[in-house]
Amino acid sequence: MWKKIAIAGGVCAAVAGIGTAAVATSGSSAPSGASAPSGSPSSTAKHAGKHGDSGLRHALHGQWVTPGKDGKGFVTHDAIRGTVMAVTPTSITVQASDKVSQTFTVSGDTKVRMRADKKGAKGTKGTIAQVHTGDKALVIGTGTTTLAANGILDAGK
């Protein structure tokens, strides 16, 4: 089980480029041998980082699927890193630098972390009210037709 958690954390961290914050917000597990999110850079030696991340640390957005709890069904996960274009108490829209936007619903279960100082990868506990239009953010969530934010990491302006 710990291997699945570690793999999920690695995928999330690679998408986010922010280390442990993605693990804290995803709350999911991935099967061993999980592939990179769609649209990720090719895995050439030129792009490989010191941990062989194939350039995923610079990924803008991605999607992956994991088995559901107790092996029942599947869960689709989405992540996007970019600029907050709109935010309300119940939703957040983030646009990546390639102009792809995603809107996620926000609930009381959504974990919000603030990392304005850029020092701690995990950041400090926050609220959706602290997230502002123009901030740089990472959002990780689940869903197929409607995306629900599991975690938001706000890096400030």
Foldseek 3Di string as FASTA:
>chain_A
DVVQLVVQQLQQCLQQLQHPQSSVQAPDGADPPWDHFPPAAAQDPVCQDPVSSSVSSVHAKGKGKHQDPPRPHIWIKIKGWAFWADADLFKTWGATPVRDIDMATEDPQEWEFEAQVVPHSNHHGDHSVPDDGGWIKMFMFIDDPHTHTSYMYTRGD
